[in-house]
Every structure is written in structure tokens, then in C-alpha cells.
């Protein structure tokens, strides 16, 4: 059940598994965005490319979740949330 609050508080969490698949060495990433304690969006994906380092994998998932949080904030503001 989604609850109504006066102020919008958006948070996001991400994780990645570097070269987790032994056959193709591709990394798996995932993230979720929350408004207060309500899960709004989530995604889990096996990457298309093979990264050379775990830092690159972490950077990619942080870039994705940052874009998602900006998009979510703008959407909520258009809907009248402040």
C-alpha cells in the first residue's frame, strides 16, 4: 500500500556482480528506487559488454540509477508532489 506524505524523499540502491557468469564473463547489475519506503522502480540486467574492472561496472550502475532518480523526481513534480 502506498502512503501519502507531504514531502517527497527519493532514495536509490544499487549492486553489481563483476564477471559473475563463468562462461561469458559478463557482469550483472541491479538497482531500485524508493519514494520513502515505497519501491517505485527496479531493474536487474546482465550487461551487454564485458567490463575490464569492477569499478567500471559499479560506475555504470550508479550512472543508470542517477538518471532514474532524476527522471522519477521530475515525474513526481509534474504530478504535483513537492
C-alpha atoms as a PDB file:
ATOM      1  CA  UNK A   1       0.000   0.000   0.000  1.00  0.00           C
ATOM      2  CA  UNK A   2       1.428   3.384  -0.999  1.00  0.00           C
ATOM      3  CA  UNK A   3       1.258   6.096   1.654  1.00  0.00           C
ATOM      4  CA  UNK A   4       0.879   9.841   1.094  1.00  0.00           C
ATOM      5  CA  UNK A   5       3.496  12.204   2.542  1.00  0.00           C
ATOM      6  CA  UNK A   6       3.906  15.969   2.426  1.00  0.00           C
ATOM      7  CA  UNK A   7       7.497  15.862   1.155  1.00  0.00           C
ATOM      8  CA  UNK A   8       8.952  13.555  -1.450  1.00  0.00           C
ATOM      9  CA  UNK A   9      12.078  11.693  -0.327  1.00  0.00           C
ATOM     10  CA  UNK A  10      13.720   9.674  -3.107  1.00  0.00           C
ATOM     11  CA  UNK A  11      16.482   7.140  -2.469  1.00  0.00           C
ATOM     12  CA  UNK A  12      18.187   4.521  -4.559  1.00  0.00           C
ATOM     13  CA  UNK A  13      20.224   1.376  -4.015  1.00  0.00           C
ATOM     14  CA  UNK A  14      22.398  -0.473  -6.479  1.00  0.00           C
ATOM     15  CA  UNK A  15      24.584  -3.544  -6.636  1.00  0.00           C
ATOM     16  CA  UNK A  16      26.639  -5.325  -9.235  1.00  0.00           C
ATOM     17  CA  UNK A  17      28.333  -8.652  -9.712  1.00  0.00           C
ATOM     18  CA  UNK A  18      31.577  -8.349 -11.663  1.00  0.00           C
ATOM     19  CA  UNK A  19      32.074 -11.109 -14.274  1.00  0.00           C
ATOM     20  CA  UNK A  20      29.672 -13.361 -12.433  1.00  0.00           C
ATOM     21  CA  UNK A  21      28.973 -15.724 -15.321  1.00  0.00           C
ATOM     22  CA  UNK A  22      31.982 -18.025 -15.803  1.00  0.00           C
ATOM     23  CA  UNK A  23      31.111 -18.756 -19.436  1.00  0.00           C
ATOM     24  CA  UNK A  24      30.919 -15.237 -20.882  1.00  0.00           C
ATOM     25  CA  UNK A  25      32.385 -13.121 -18.000  1.00  0.00           C
ATOM     26  CA  UNK A  26      29.581 -10.570 -18.300  1.00  0.00           C
ATOM     27  CA  UNK A  27      28.574  -8.628 -15.199  1.00  0.00           C
ATOM     28  CA  UNK A  28      25.130  -8.439 -13.630  1.00  0.00           C
ATOM     29  CA  UNK A  29      23.772  -5.174 -12.247  1.00  0.00           C
ATOM     30  CA  UNK A  30      20.632  -4.194 -10.421  1.00  0.00           C
ATOM     31  CA  UNK A  31      19.075  -1.177  -8.766  1.00  0.00           C
ATOM     32  CA  UNK A  32      15.906   0.016  -7.104  1.00  0.00           C
ATOM     33  CA  UNK A  33      14.464   3.458  -6.415  1.00  0.00           C
ATOM     34  CA  UNK A  34      12.221   4.278  -3.488  1.00  0.00           C
ATOM     35  CA  UNK A  35       9.923   7.154  -2.558  1.00  0.00           C
ATOM     36  CA  UNK A  36      10.069   6.996   1.236  1.00  0.00           C
ATOM     37  CA  UNK A  37       9.774   3.235   1.836  1.00  0.00           C
ATOM     38  CA  UNK A  38       7.722   2.576  -1.309  1.00  0.00           C
ATOM     39  CA  UNK A  39       9.510   0.768  -4.132  1.00  0.00           C
ATOM     40  CA  UNK A  40       8.889   2.721  -7.340  1.00  0.00           C
ATOM     41  CA  UNK A  41      11.225   1.258  -9.971  1.00  0.00           C
ATOM     42  CA  UNK A  42      13.682  -1.614 -10.139  1.00  0.00           C
ATOM     43  CA  UNK A  43      15.845  -3.292 -12.714  1.00  0.00           C
ATOM     44  CA  UNK A  44      18.218  -6.203 -12.953  1.00  0.00           C
ATOM     45  CA  UNK A  45      20.243  -6.773 -16.074  1.00  0.00           C
ATOM     46  CA  UNK A  46      23.089  -8.816 -17.439  1.00  0.00           C
ATOM     47  CA  UNK A  47      25.432  -6.367 -19.159  1.00  0.00           C
ATOM     48  CA  UNK A  48      25.931  -6.477 -22.929  1.00  0.00           C
ATOM     49  CA  UNK A  49      29.657  -5.779 -22.698  1.00  0.00           C
ATOM     50  CA  UNK A  50      32.493  -7.298 -20.708  1.00  0.00           C
ATOM     51  CA  UNK A  51      33.985  -4.720 -18.346  1.00  0.00           C
ATOM     52  CA  UNK A  52      37.656  -4.699 -17.520  1.00  0.00           C
ATOM     53  CA  UNK A  53      37.189  -3.842 -13.854  1.00  0.00           C
ATOM     54  CA  UNK A  54      34.637  -3.963 -11.065  1.00  0.00           C
ATOM     55  CA  UNK A  55      34.913  -0.160 -10.692  1.00  0.00           C
ATOM     56  CA  UNK A  56      33.645   0.281 -14.249  1.00  0.00           C
ATOM     57  CA  UNK A  57      30.676  -1.972 -13.522  1.00  0.00           C
ATOM     58  CA  UNK A  58      29.856  -0.003 -10.346  1.00  0.00           C
ATOM     59  CA  UNK A  59      30.137   3.289 -12.247  1.00  0.00           C
ATOM     60  CA  UNK A  60      27.752   2.095 -14.950  1.00  0.00           C
ATOM     61  CA  UNK A  61      25.044   1.042 -12.485  1.00  0.00           C
ATOM     62  CA  UNK A  62      25.434   4.281 -10.487  1.00  0.00           C
ATOM     63  CA  UNK A  63      25.017   6.285 -13.703  1.00  0.00           C
ATOM     64  CA  UNK A  64      21.839   4.345 -14.529  1.00  0.00           C
ATOM     65  CA  UNK A  65      20.310   4.800 -11.088  1.00  0.00           C
ATOM     66  CA  UNK A  66      21.205   8.506 -11.046  1.00  0.00           C
ATOM     67  CA  UNK A  67      19.327   9.027 -14.310  1.00  0.00           C
ATOM     68  CA  UNK A  68      16.396   7.011 -12.986  1.00  0.00           C
ATOM     69  CA  UNK A  69      16.208   9.111  -9.808  1.00  0.00           C
ATOM     70  CA  UNK A  70      16.271  12.413 -11.740  1.00  0.00           C
ATOM     71  CA  UNK A  71      13.549  11.097 -14.051  1.00  0.00           C
ATOM     72  CA  UNK A  72      11.449   9.960 -11.075  1.00  0.00           C
ATOM     73  CA  UNK A  73      11.859  13.302  -9.300  1.00  0.00           C
ATOM     74  CA  UNK A  74      10.749  15.207 -12.413  1.00  0.00           C
ATOM     75  CA  UNK A  75       7.777  12.887 -12.910  1.00  0.00           C
ATOM     76  CA  UNK A  76       6.614  13.336  -9.322  1.00  0.00           C
ATOM     77  CA  UNK A  77       6.987  17.109  -9.567  1.00  0.00           C
ATOM     78  CA  UNK A  78       4.830  17.131 -12.723  1.00  0.00           C
ATOM     79  CA  UNK A  79       2.207  15.133 -10.828  1.00  0.00           C
ATOM     80  CA  UNK A  80       2.135  17.772  -8.082  1.00  0.00           C
ATOM     81  CA  UNK A  81       4.323  16.216  -5.403  1.00  0.00           C
ATOM     82  CA  UNK A  82       6.799  18.569  -3.691  1.00  0.00           C
END
